[in-house]
Amino acid sequence: NDYLNECKYRKRLNYNTIRAYTIDLMQFARYVDYDLLNLEKVKEFVYELNKKYTKYRTIKRKIASIKAFYMYLEDEELIEFSPFQRVKFKSKEPKELPKIVSNEILHKVFDYLFEMIENSNNEYQKRKAIQDAAVVEMLLSMGLRVSELCNIQLNDINLKERTLKIQGKGLKERILYIGNESLIDLLNMYYEFNMEVINEQNYFFVNKFGKRMTEQSVRIILNSLEKKLKLSSHLTPHMFRHTFATMLLDNGVDIRYIQKFLGHSSIAITQIYTHVSYAKQKEILSSKNPLNEFVK
C-alpha cells in the first residue's frame, strides 16, 4: 500500500496504471506466498507467466511492475537486493502491425453519423448524434488516446483559437491545432447542446448521465456503429489513433512531426507506422514506377 501510494501521489501515475500495478503485484505476492525473497519462487512465477499469457506486452508489463516494486524496496532499504538481479530471461517481442480502419469503413461511418444528425427527430436524438460524431471525428482528426479524449477539461480546449491541450502519459503536455473546419463547427454545436453540463463538470466530453465521459462510453459508441453498419472489422478507439498516424505518413508528413502529434517519447515507438505504409509503397511502386515508361 505504501508503494502504491508513492506511485499515486509522488509519481502521479494515472488510475489505470495504479490499477494494473495492483493486479500484477497481488498476483505475484499470492504466487510466491508473500515470500518476496524466495528466488526459486520468483523464477517459477516468470516461467508460469510465459506459459499462461500469449501476449508479449502482458508478460512484459507484469514483470516491469514487479521489478519496479523491488527497486522501491531497495531504495527504502527494506531489502538488500532484488531477486530479479539473479533471474535471467529473454522474451522477444513479435512484430505486430497496428490495426487501422480502412477508407471504405471510414466513409461508411461518417456517412452514417452525418445522416443521423440530419435525420434526428427530436433534441435528444440530435444531441446524441452530434456527440457520437464529435467523438469519432476527434479520434481520427487528432490521433488521441481514448483516455486523453475523456480527460479533456473545459479550459484545455479553445474553439476560437482552435487549440487543444492534451495531458499525455507521464503528465507530458502537448498542444495540438484543430485544423479541420468541419470538426470545429461540430464541436461548437456539441458545446451549445451540452453547455450547462460541461460548465458544471468542467470536462468537455460528458455522457448522458451528466458526468465525465468514460473510456467505456467511447467504446460503446464504436461498438454501436459496428453493429448498426454490420461492419466486418471490429472498431476500437486505438485503431483511429493508428489510422491517424498511418494516413499522415502516407500523405508525406515527416515522422518526427507525427511523433509530436502522438505524444510519443521516442521516435522508435512511432517508427512502427513505417511498416504500415507498405500499402502506399505498393500503390506508388506499381502506378508510378519509372520502369513503366519503358516496359509495358
C-alpha atoms as a PDB file:
ATOM      1  CA  ASN A   1       0.000   0.000   0.000  1.00  0.00           C
ATOM      2  CA  ASP A   2       2.874   2.377   0.772  1.00  0.00           C
ATOM      3  CA  TYR A   3       4.370   1.666  -2.642  1.00  0.00           C
ATOM      4  CA  LEU A   4       1.063   2.221  -4.462  1.00  0.00           C
ATOM      5  CA  ASN A   5       0.547   5.494  -2.564  1.00  0.00           C
ATOM      6  CA  GLU A   6       4.042   6.523  -3.648  1.00  0.00           C
ATOM      7  CA  CYS A   7       3.067   5.815  -7.277  1.00  0.00           C
ATOM      8  CA  LYS A   8      -0.184   7.725  -6.920  1.00  0.00           C
ATOM      9  CA  TYR A   9       0.864  10.824  -5.004  1.00  0.00           C
ATOM     10  CA  ARG A  10       4.579  11.283  -5.662  1.00  0.00           C
ATOM     11  CA  LYS A  11       4.988   9.777  -9.134  1.00  0.00           C
ATOM     12  CA  ARG A  12       1.439  10.892 -10.013  1.00  0.00           C
ATOM     13  CA  LEU A  13       0.701   7.842 -12.143  1.00  0.00           C
ATOM     14  CA  ASN A  14      -2.815   7.640 -13.531  1.00  0.00           C
ATOM     15  CA  TYR A  15      -5.675   5.466 -12.278  1.00  0.00           C
ATOM     16  CA  ASN A  16      -5.298   2.782 -14.962  1.00  0.00           C
ATOM     17  CA  THR A  17      -1.575   2.352 -14.250  1.00  0.00           C
ATOM     18  CA  ILE A  18      -2.166   2.093 -10.481  1.00  0.00           C
ATOM     19  CA  ARG A  19      -4.918  -0.459 -11.094  1.00  0.00           C
ATOM     20  CA  ALA A  20      -2.636  -2.546 -13.333  1.00  0.00           C
ATOM     21  CA  TYR A  21       0.188  -2.386 -10.759  1.00  0.00           C
ATOM     22  CA  THR A  22      -2.191  -3.528  -8.017  1.00  0.00           C
ATOM     23  CA  ILE A  23      -3.408  -6.527 -10.043  1.00  0.00           C
ATOM     24  CA  ASP A  24       0.139  -7.523 -11.058  1.00  0.00           C
ATOM     25  CA  LEU A  25       1.614  -7.219  -7.560  1.00  0.00           C
ATOM     26  CA  MET A  26      -1.227  -9.114  -5.880  1.00  0.00           C
ATOM     27  CA  GLN A  27      -0.946 -11.906  -8.465  1.00  0.00           C
ATOM     28  CA  PHE A  28       2.793 -12.141  -7.802  1.00  0.00           C
ATOM     29  CA  ALA A  29       2.537 -11.918  -3.993  1.00  0.00           C
ATOM     30  CA  ARG A  30      -0.028 -14.699  -3.855  1.00  0.00           C
ATOM     31  CA  TYR A  31       2.032 -16.921  -6.134  1.00  0.00           C
ATOM     32  CA  VAL A  32       5.199 -16.617  -4.020  1.00  0.00           C
ATOM     33  CA  ASP A  33       3.068 -16.839  -0.854  1.00  0.00           C
ATOM     34  CA  TYR A  34       4.359 -13.391   0.203  1.00  0.00           C
ATOM     35  CA  ASP A  35       7.899 -14.786   0.433  1.00  0.00           C
ATOM     36  CA  LEU A  36       9.371 -11.981  -1.669  1.00  0.00           C
ATOM     37  CA  LEU A  37      12.998 -13.091  -1.367  1.00  0.00           C
ATOM     38  CA  ASN A  38      12.430 -16.697  -2.435  1.00  0.00           C
ATOM     39  CA  LEU A  39      14.497 -16.842  -5.637  1.00  0.00           C
ATOM     40  CA  GLU A  40      13.119 -20.198  -6.788  1.00  0.00           C
ATOM     41  CA  LYS A  41       9.525 -18.984  -6.406  1.00  0.00           C
ATOM     42  CA  VAL A  42      10.343 -15.824  -8.373  1.00  0.00           C
ATOM     43  CA  LYS A  43      11.847 -17.916 -11.189  1.00  0.00           C
ATOM     44  CA  GLU A  44       8.790 -20.175 -11.183  1.00  0.00           C
ATOM     45  CA  PHE A  45       6.496 -17.158 -11.420  1.00  0.00           C
ATOM     46  CA  VAL A  46       8.292 -15.815 -14.512  1.00  0.00           C
ATOM     47  CA  TYR A  47       8.111 -19.285 -16.073  1.00  0.00           C
ATOM     48  CA  GLU A  48       4.380 -19.518 -15.331  1.00  0.00           C
ATOM     49  CA  LEU A  49       3.757 -16.083 -16.857  1.00  0.00           C
ATOM     50  CA  ASN A  50       5.250 -17.256 -20.137  1.00  0.00           C
ATOM     51  CA  LYS A  51       3.079 -20.371 -20.042  1.00  0.00           C
ATOM     52  CA  LYS A  52      -0.150 -18.589 -19.116  1.00  0.00           C
ATOM     53  CA  TYR A  53      -0.069 -15.470 -21.311  1.00  0.00           C
ATOM     54  CA  THR A  54       0.355 -15.373 -25.075  1.00  0.00           C
ATOM     55  CA  LYS A  55       0.678 -11.604 -25.405  1.00  0.00           C
ATOM     56  CA  TYR A  56       4.250 -10.388 -25.042  1.00  0.00           C
ATOM     57  CA  ARG A  57       3.134  -6.983 -23.775  1.00  0.00           C
ATOM     58  CA  THR A  58       1.153  -8.517 -20.904  1.00  0.00           C
ATOM     59  CA  ILE A  59       4.183 -10.509 -19.718  1.00  0.00           C
ATOM     60  CA  LYS A  60       6.499  -7.525 -20.144  1.00  0.00           C
ATOM     61  CA  ARG A  61       4.141  -5.241 -18.186  1.00  0.00           C
ATOM     62  CA  LYS A  62       3.733  -7.666 -15.292  1.00  0.00           C
ATOM     63  CA  ILE A  63       7.480  -8.209 -14.945  1.00  0.00           C
ATOM     64  CA  ALA A  64       8.116  -4.451 -15.192  1.00  0.00           C
ATOM     65  CA  SER A  65       5.523  -3.807 -12.450  1.00  0.00           C
ATOM     66  CA  ILE A  66       7.206  -6.265 -10.090  1.00  0.00           C
ATOM     67  CA  LYS A  67      10.765  -5.104 -10.858  1.00  0.00           C
ATOM     68  CA  ALA A  68       9.712  -1.513 -10.128  1.00  0.00           C
ATOM     69  CA  PHE A  69       8.305  -2.644  -6.766  1.00  0.00           C
ATOM     70  CA  TYR A  70      11.598  -4.352  -5.863  1.00  0.00           C
ATOM     71  CA  MET A  71      13.502  -1.186  -6.791  1.00  0.00           C
ATOM     72  CA  TYR A  72      11.276   0.683  -4.335  1.00  0.00           C
ATOM     73  CA  LEU A  73      12.062  -1.903  -1.617  1.00  0.00           C
ATOM     74  CA  GLU A  74      15.800  -1.476  -2.303  1.00  0.00           C
ATOM     75  CA  ASP A  75      15.571   2.326  -2.230  1.00  0.00           C
ATOM     76  CA  GLU A  76      13.740   2.161   1.101  1.00  0.00           C
ATOM     77  CA  GLU A  77      16.410  -0.279   2.377  1.00  0.00           C
ATOM     78  CA  LEU A  78      13.742  -2.871   3.160  1.00  0.00           C
ATOM     79  CA  ILE A  79      15.701  -5.494   1.228  1.00  0.00           C
ATOM     80  CA  GLU A  80      19.386  -5.730   0.316  1.00  0.00           C
ATOM     81  CA  PHE A  81      18.938  -6.791  -3.293  1.00  0.00           C
ATOM     82  CA  SER A  82      16.205  -7.728  -5.727  1.00  0.00           C
ATOM     83  CA  PRO A  83      15.886 -11.412  -6.667  1.00  0.00           C
ATOM     84  CA  PHE A  84      15.313 -10.205 -10.216  1.00  0.00           C
ATOM     85  CA  GLN A  85      19.022  -9.400 -10.389  1.00  0.00           C
ATOM     86  CA  ARG A  86      19.567 -13.166 -10.472  1.00  0.00           C
ATOM     87  CA  VAL A  87      16.707 -14.059 -12.807  1.00  0.00           C
ATOM     88  CA  LYS A  88      17.708 -14.281 -16.460  1.00  0.00           C
ATOM     89  CA  PHE A  89      15.044 -14.414 -19.112  1.00  0.00           C
ATOM     90  CA  LYS A  90      14.671 -13.430 -22.722  1.00  0.00           C
ATOM     91  CA  SER A  91      11.422 -12.588 -24.408  1.00  0.00           C
ATOM     92  CA  LYS A  92      11.427 -11.340 -27.971  1.00  0.00           C
ATOM     93  CA  GLU A  93       8.540  -9.117 -28.893  1.00  0.00           C
ATOM     94  CA  PRO A  94       6.770 -10.246 -32.061  1.00  0.00           C
ATOM     95  CA  LYS A  95       6.306  -7.560 -34.671  1.00  0.00           C
ATOM     96  CA  GLU A  96       2.616  -6.756 -34.659  1.00  0.00           C
ATOM     97  CA  LEU A  97       1.473  -4.134 -37.127  1.00  0.00           C
ATOM     98  CA  PRO A  98      -1.077  -1.696 -35.740  1.00  0.00           C
ATOM     99  CA  LYS A  99      -4.606  -2.322 -36.956  1.00  0.00           C
ATOM    100  CA  ILE A 100      -6.149   0.575 -38.846  1.00  0.00           C
ATOM    101  CA  VAL A 101      -9.635   1.457 -40.074  1.00  0.00           C
ATOM    102  CA  SER A 102      -9.949   1.137 -43.845  1.00  0.00           C
ATOM    103  CA  ASN A 103     -11.054   4.066 -46.002  1.00  0.00           C
ATOM    104  CA  GLU A 104     -14.129   2.103 -47.028  1.00  0.00           C
ATOM    105  CA  ILE A 105     -15.248   1.676 -43.411  1.00  0.00           C
ATOM    106  CA  LEU A 106     -14.421   5.296 -42.567  1.00  0.00           C
ATOM    107  CA  HIS A 107     -16.671   6.502 -45.398  1.00  0.00           C
ATOM    108  CA  LYS A 108     -19.500   4.289 -44.126  1.00  0.00           C
ATOM    109  CA  VAL A 109     -19.052   5.504 -40.549  1.00  0.00           C
ATOM    110  CA  PHE A 110     -19.003   9.212 -41.372  1.00  0.00           C
ATOM    111  CA  ASP A 111     -21.868   8.980 -43.891  1.00  0.00           C
ATOM    112  CA  TYR A 112     -23.942   7.273 -41.216  1.00  0.00           C
ATOM    113  CA  LEU A 113     -23.020   9.777 -38.484  1.00  0.00           C
ATOM    114  CA  PHE A 114     -23.908  12.788 -40.636  1.00  0.00           C
ATOM    115  CA  GLU A 115     -27.131  11.114 -41.733  1.00  0.00           C
ATOM    116  CA  MET A 116     -28.091  10.619 -38.052  1.00  0.00           C
ATOM    117  CA  ILE A 117     -27.557  14.334 -37.369  1.00  0.00           C
ATOM    118  CA  GLU A 118     -29.638  15.355 -40.376  1.00  0.00           C
ATOM    119  CA  ASN A 119     -32.491  12.931 -39.663  1.00  0.00           C
ATOM    120  CA  SER A 120     -32.816  13.470 -35.909  1.00  0.00           C
ATOM    121  CA  ASN A 121     -36.479  13.641 -34.854  1.00  0.00           C
ATOM    122  CA  ASN A 122     -36.001  15.370 -31.513  1.00  0.00           C
ATOM    123  CA  GLU A 123     -33.473  17.237 -29.401  1.00  0.00           C
ATOM    124  CA  TYR A 124     -32.264  14.120 -27.580  1.00  0.00           C
ATOM    125  CA  GLN A 125     -31.517  12.297 -30.844  1.00  0.00           C
ATOM    126  CA  LYS A 126     -29.777  15.374 -32.244  1.00  0.00           C
ATOM    127  CA  ARG A 127     -27.614  15.774 -29.143  1.00  0.00           C
ATOM    128  CA  LYS A 128     -26.648  12.087 -29.203  1.00  0.00           C
ATOM    129  CA  ALA A 129     -25.863  12.131 -32.930  1.00  0.00           C
ATOM    130  CA  ILE A 130     -23.688  15.243 -32.593  1.00  0.00           C
ATOM    131  CA  GLN A 131     -21.898  13.773 -29.597  1.00  0.00           C
ATOM    132  CA  ASP A 132     -21.115  10.496 -31.388  1.00  0.00           C
ATOM    133  CA  ALA A 133     -19.852  12.317 -34.470  1.00  0.00           C
ATOM    134  CA  ALA A 134     -17.709  14.685 -32.367  1.00  0.00           C
ATOM    135  CA  VAL A 135     -16.080  11.782 -30.510  1.00  0.00           C
ATOM    136  CA  VAL A 136     -15.254   9.826 -33.682  1.00  0.00           C
ATOM    137  CA  GLU A 137     -14.012  12.915 -35.544  1.00  0.00           C
ATOM    138  CA  MET A 138     -11.747  13.843 -32.629  1.00  0.00           C
ATOM    139  CA  LEU A 139     -10.229  10.351 -32.545  1.00  0.00           C
ATOM    140  CA  LEU A 140      -9.401  10.392 -36.250  1.00  0.00           C
ATOM    141  CA  SER A 141      -8.537  14.069 -36.659  1.00  0.00           C
ATOM    142  CA  MET A 142      -6.314  14.454 -33.582  1.00  0.00           C
ATOM    143  CA  GLY A 143      -4.920  10.939 -33.026  1.00  0.00           C
ATOM    144  CA  LEU A 144      -5.817  10.965 -29.337  1.00  0.00           C
ATOM    145  CA  ARG A 145      -5.629   8.111 -26.872  1.00  0.00           C
ATOM    146  CA  VAL A 146      -9.121   7.363 -25.539  1.00  0.00           C
ATOM    147  CA  SER A 147      -8.011   8.363 -22.012  1.00  0.00           C
ATOM    148  CA  GLU A 148      -6.771  11.712 -23.365  1.00  0.00           C
ATOM    149  CA  LEU A 149     -10.104  12.355 -25.084  1.00  0.00           C
ATOM    150  CA  CYS A 150     -12.108  11.609 -21.934  1.00  0.00           C
ATOM    151  CA  ASN A 151      -9.899  13.815 -19.767  1.00  0.00           C
ATOM    152  CA  ILE A 152     -10.118  16.978 -21.867  1.00  0.00           C
ATOM    153  CA  GLN A 153     -11.173  19.716 -19.470  1.00  0.00           C
ATOM    154  CA  LEU A 154     -13.095  22.804 -20.472  1.00  0.00           C
ATOM    155  CA  ASN A 155     -10.082  25.098 -20.207  1.00  0.00           C
ATOM    156  CA  ASP A 156      -7.962  22.668 -22.285  1.00  0.00           C
ATOM    157  CA  ILE A 157      -9.877  23.416 -25.479  1.00  0.00           C
ATOM    158  CA  ASN A 158     -10.176  26.795 -27.170  1.00  0.00           C
ATOM    159  CA  LEU A 159     -12.518  26.606 -30.156  1.00  0.00           C
ATOM    160  CA  LYS A 160     -11.896  30.227 -31.120  1.00  0.00           C
ATOM    161  CA  GLU A 161      -8.109  29.812 -31.230  1.00  0.00           C
ATOM    162  CA  ARG A 162      -8.569  26.192 -32.398  1.00  0.00           C
ATOM    163  CA  THR A 163      -6.118  24.805 -29.847  1.00  0.00           C
ATOM    164  CA  LEU A 164      -6.265  21.673 -27.724  1.00  0.00           C
ATOM    165  CA  LYS A 165      -4.042  20.996 -24.709  1.00  0.00           C
ATOM    166  CA  ILE A 166      -3.517  17.311 -24.024  1.00  0.00           C
ATOM    167  CA  GLN A 167      -2.084  15.752 -20.886  1.00  0.00           C
ATOM    168  CA  GLY A 168      -0.446  12.575 -22.140  1.00  0.00           C
ATOM    169  CA  LYS A 169       1.386   9.715 -20.488  1.00  0.00           C
ATOM    170  CA  GLY A 170       3.744  10.708 -17.695  1.00  0.00           C
ATOM    171  CA  LEU A 171       1.935  14.068 -17.398  1.00  0.00           C
ATOM    172  CA  LYS A 172       3.585  15.242 -20.634  1.00  0.00           C
ATOM    173  CA  GLU A 173       1.638  18.096 -22.173  1.00  0.00           C
ATOM    174  CA  ARG A 174       1.298  18.763 -25.867  1.00  0.00           C
ATOM    175  CA  ILE A 175      -0.633  21.458 -27.733  1.00  0.00           C
ATOM    176  CA  LEU A 176      -2.476  20.428 -30.889  1.00  0.00           C
ATOM    177  CA  TYR A 177      -4.087  22.607 -33.535  1.00  0.00           C
ATOM    178  CA  ILE A 178      -7.635  21.664 -34.562  1.00  0.00           C
ATOM    179  CA  GLY A 179      -7.136  22.005 -38.281  1.00  0.00           C
ATOM    180  CA  ASN A 180     -10.387  20.700 -39.742  1.00  0.00           C
ATOM    181  CA  GLU A 181     -13.153  23.290 -40.258  1.00  0.00           C
ATOM    182  CA  SER A 182     -15.939  20.709 -40.101  1.00  0.00           C
ATOM    183  CA  LEU A 183     -14.666  19.458 -36.744  1.00  0.00           C
ATOM    184  CA  ILE A 184     -14.625  22.995 -35.324  1.00  0.00           C
ATOM    185  CA  ASP A 185     -18.246  23.513 -36.415  1.00  0.00           C
ATOM    186  CA  LEU A 186     -19.240  20.162 -34.910  1.00  0.00           C
ATOM    187  CA  LEU A 187     -17.504  20.881 -31.598  1.00  0.00           C
ATOM    188  CA  ASN A 188     -19.239  24.271 -31.380  1.00  0.00           C
ATOM    189  CA  MET A 189     -22.604  22.564 -31.970  1.00  0.00           C
ATOM    190  CA  TYR A 190     -21.767  19.927 -29.375  1.00  0.00           C
ATOM    191  CA  TYR A 191     -20.807  22.596 -26.817  1.00  0.00           C
ATOM    192  CA  GLU A 192     -24.023  24.572 -27.405  1.00  0.00           C
ATOM    193  CA  PHE A 193     -26.142  21.462 -26.797  1.00  0.00           C
ATOM    194  CA  ASN A 194     -24.221  20.481 -23.631  1.00  0.00           C
ATOM    195  CA  MET A 195     -23.030  23.851 -22.334  1.00  0.00           C
ATOM    196  CA  GLU A 196     -24.686  23.675 -18.924  1.00  0.00           C
ATOM    197  CA  VAL A 197     -23.384  20.189 -18.041  1.00  0.00           C
ATOM    198  CA  ILE A 198     -19.917  20.876 -19.477  1.00  0.00           C
ATOM    199  CA  ASN A 199     -19.569  24.060 -17.409  1.00  0.00           C
ATOM    200  CA  GLU A 200     -20.756  22.227 -14.310  1.00  0.00           C
ATOM    201  CA  GLN A 201     -18.489  19.182 -14.733  1.00  0.00           C
ATOM    202  CA  ASN A 202     -15.550  21.105 -16.234  1.00  0.00           C
ATOM    203  CA  TYR A 203     -14.980  18.222 -18.679  1.00  0.00           C
ATOM    204  CA  PHE A 204     -15.608  18.792 -22.368  1.00  0.00           C
ATOM    205  CA  PHE A 205     -16.966  15.340 -23.192  1.00  0.00           C
ATOM    206  CA  VAL A 206     -19.862  14.305 -20.963  1.00  0.00           C
ATOM    207  CA  ASN A 207     -22.207  11.315 -21.011  1.00  0.00           C
ATOM    208  CA  LYS A 208     -25.993  11.030 -20.867  1.00  0.00           C
ATOM    209  CA  PHE A 209     -25.847  10.968 -17.068  1.00  0.00           C
ATOM    210  CA  GLY A 210     -24.291  14.416 -16.965  1.00  0.00           C
ATOM    211  CA  LYS A 211     -20.883  13.102 -15.888  1.00  0.00           C
ATOM    212  CA  ARG A 212     -17.443  12.981 -17.493  1.00  0.00           C
ATOM    213  CA  MET A 213     -17.465  10.604 -20.447  1.00  0.00           C
ATOM    214  CA  THR A 214     -15.715   7.338 -19.632  1.00  0.00           C
ATOM    215  CA  GLU A 215     -13.471   5.256 -21.875  1.00  0.00           C
ATOM    216  CA  GLN A 216     -16.154   2.579 -21.810  1.00  0.00           C
ATOM    217  CA  SER A 217     -18.702   5.089 -23.166  1.00  0.00           C
ATOM    218  CA  VAL A 218     -16.431   5.736 -26.166  1.00  0.00           C
ATOM    219  CA  ARG A 219     -16.090   2.002 -26.815  1.00  0.00           C
ATOM    220  CA  ILE A 220     -19.882   1.628 -26.634  1.00  0.00           C
ATOM    221  CA  ILE A 221     -20.261   4.344 -29.316  1.00  0.00           C
ATOM    222  CA  LEU A 222     -17.886   2.435 -31.617  1.00  0.00           C
ATOM    223  CA  ASN A 223     -19.467  -0.939 -30.872  1.00  0.00           C
ATOM    224  CA  SER A 224     -22.882   0.511 -31.703  1.00  0.00           C
ATOM    225  CA  LEU A 225     -21.601   1.807 -35.056  1.00  0.00           C
ATOM    226  CA  GLU A 226     -20.052  -1.567 -35.767  1.00  0.00           C
ATOM    227  CA  LYS A 227     -23.366  -3.360 -35.188  1.00  0.00           C
ATOM    228  CA  LYS A 228     -25.622  -0.864 -36.960  1.00  0.00           C
ATOM    229  CA  LEU A 229     -23.414  -0.786 -40.057  1.00  0.00           C
ATOM    230  CA  LYS A 230     -22.711  -4.545 -39.875  1.00  0.00           C
ATOM    231  CA  LEU A 231     -19.001  -3.904 -40.277  1.00  0.00           C
ATOM    232  CA  SER A 232     -16.636  -6.768 -40.912  1.00  0.00           C
ATOM    233  CA  SER A 233     -13.968  -5.103 -38.784  1.00  0.00           C
ATOM    234  CA  HIS A 234     -14.080  -4.579 -35.003  1.00  0.00           C
ATOM    235  CA  LEU A 235     -13.605  -0.896 -34.112  1.00  0.00           C
ATOM    236  CA  THR A 236     -11.522   0.260 -31.156  1.00  0.00           C
ATOM    237  CA  PRO A 237     -10.500   3.811 -30.168  1.00  0.00           C
ATOM    238  CA  HIS A 238      -6.819   2.986 -30.645  1.00  0.00           C
ATOM    239  CA  MET A 239      -7.428   1.901 -34.244  1.00  0.00           C
ATOM    240  CA  PHE A 240      -8.383   5.501 -35.041  1.00  0.00           C
ATOM    241  CA  ARG A 241      -5.107   6.700 -33.498  1.00  0.00           C
ATOM    242  CA  HIS A 242      -3.199   4.209 -35.653  1.00  0.00           C
ATOM    243  CA  THR A 243      -5.186   5.315 -38.704  1.00  0.00           C
ATOM    244  CA  PHE A 244      -4.407   8.982 -37.986  1.00  0.00           C
ATOM    245  CA  ALA A 245      -0.660   8.256 -37.899  1.00  0.00           C
ATOM    246  CA  THR A 246      -0.681   5.975 -40.934  1.00  0.00           C
ATOM    247  CA  MET A 247      -2.653   8.411 -43.115  1.00  0.00           C
ATOM    248  CA  LEU A 248      -0.347  11.294 -42.200  1.00  0.00           C
ATOM    249  CA  LEU A 249       2.687   9.170 -43.070  1.00  0.00           C
ATOM    250  CA  ASP A 250       1.120   8.074 -46.357  1.00  0.00           C
ATOM    251  CA  ASN A 251       0.497  11.741 -47.179  1.00  0.00           C
ATOM    252  CA  GLY A 252       4.191  12.549 -46.770  1.00  0.00           C
ATOM    253  CA  VAL A 253       4.232  14.037 -43.260  1.00  0.00           C
ATOM    254  CA  ASP A 254       7.639  13.734 -41.591  1.00  0.00           C
ATOM    255  CA  ILE A 255       7.627  11.002 -38.937  1.00  0.00           C
ATOM    256  CA  ARG A 256       9.144  13.425 -36.390  1.00  0.00           C
ATOM    257  CA  TYR A 257       6.023  15.597 -36.630  1.00  0.00           C
ATOM    258  CA  ILE A 258       3.833  12.530 -36.206  1.00  0.00           C
ATOM    259  CA  GLN A 259       5.840  11.614 -33.101  1.00  0.00           C
ATOM    260  CA  LYS A 260       4.999  15.018 -31.580  1.00  0.00           C
ATOM    261  CA  PHE A 261       1.317  14.800 -32.553  1.00  0.00           C
ATOM    262  CA  LEU A 262       1.001  11.380 -30.900  1.00  0.00           C
ATOM    263  CA  GLY A 263       2.960  12.378 -27.802  1.00  0.00           C
ATOM    264  CA  HIS A 264       5.494   9.564 -28.188  1.00  0.00           C
ATOM    265  CA  SER A 265       8.583   9.946 -26.009  1.00  0.00           C
ATOM    266  CA  SER A 266      10.785   8.204 -28.581  1.00  0.00           C
ATOM    267  CA  ILE A 267      10.869   8.144 -32.372  1.00  0.00           C
ATOM    268  CA  ALA A 268      11.384   4.358 -32.119  1.00  0.00           C
ATOM    269  CA  ILE A 269       7.776   3.963 -30.942  1.00  0.00           C
ATOM    270  CA  THR A 270       6.468   5.939 -33.913  1.00  0.00           C
ATOM    271  CA  GLN A 271       8.524   4.040 -36.477  1.00  0.00           C
ATOM    272  CA  ILE A 272       6.167   1.067 -36.406  1.00  0.00           C
ATOM    273  CA  TYR A 273       3.968   3.097 -38.763  1.00  0.00           C
ATOM    274  CA  THR A 274       6.627   2.947 -41.472  1.00  0.00           C
ATOM    275  CA  HIS A 275       5.728  -0.742 -41.803  1.00  0.00           C
ATOM    276  CA  VAL A 276       2.028   0.021 -42.061  1.00  0.00           C
ATOM    277  CA  SER A 277       2.559   2.338 -45.010  1.00  0.00           C
ATOM    278  CA  TYR A 278       3.612  -0.650 -47.126  1.00  0.00           C
ATOM    279  CA  ALA A 279       0.210  -0.389 -48.839  1.00  0.00           C
ATOM    280  CA  LYS A 280       1.118   3.107 -50.015  1.00  0.00           C
ATOM    281  CA  GLN A 281       4.518   1.881 -51.197  1.00  0.00           C
ATOM    282  CA  LYS A 282       2.797  -0.854 -53.181  1.00  0.00           C
ATOM    283  CA  GLU A 283       0.478   1.660 -54.826  1.00  0.00           C
ATOM    284  CA  ILE A 284       3.304   4.088 -55.715  1.00  0.00           C
ATOM    285  CA  LEU A 285       5.734   1.447 -56.967  1.00  0.00           C
ATOM    286  CA  SER A 286       3.015  -0.069 -59.142  1.00  0.00           C
ATOM    287  CA  SER A 287       1.448   3.028 -60.675  1.00  0.00           C
ATOM    288  CA  LYS A 288       4.425   5.447 -60.575  1.00  0.00           C
ATOM    289  CA  ASN A 289       7.293   3.068 -61.217  1.00  0.00           C
ATOM    290  CA  PRO A 290       9.923   4.643 -63.553  1.00  0.00           C
ATOM    291  CA  LEU A 291      10.175   1.384 -65.491  1.00  0.00           C
ATOM    292  CA  ASN A 292       6.543   1.803 -66.568  1.00  0.00           C
ATOM    293  CA  GLU A 293       7.722   4.433 -69.065  1.00  0.00           C
ATOM    294  CA  PHE A 294       9.819   1.911 -70.953  1.00  0.00           C
ATOM    295  CA  VAL A 295       8.391  -1.541 -70.345  1.00  0.00           C
ATOM    296  CA  LYS A 296       4.669  -2.245 -70.700  1.00  0.00           C
END
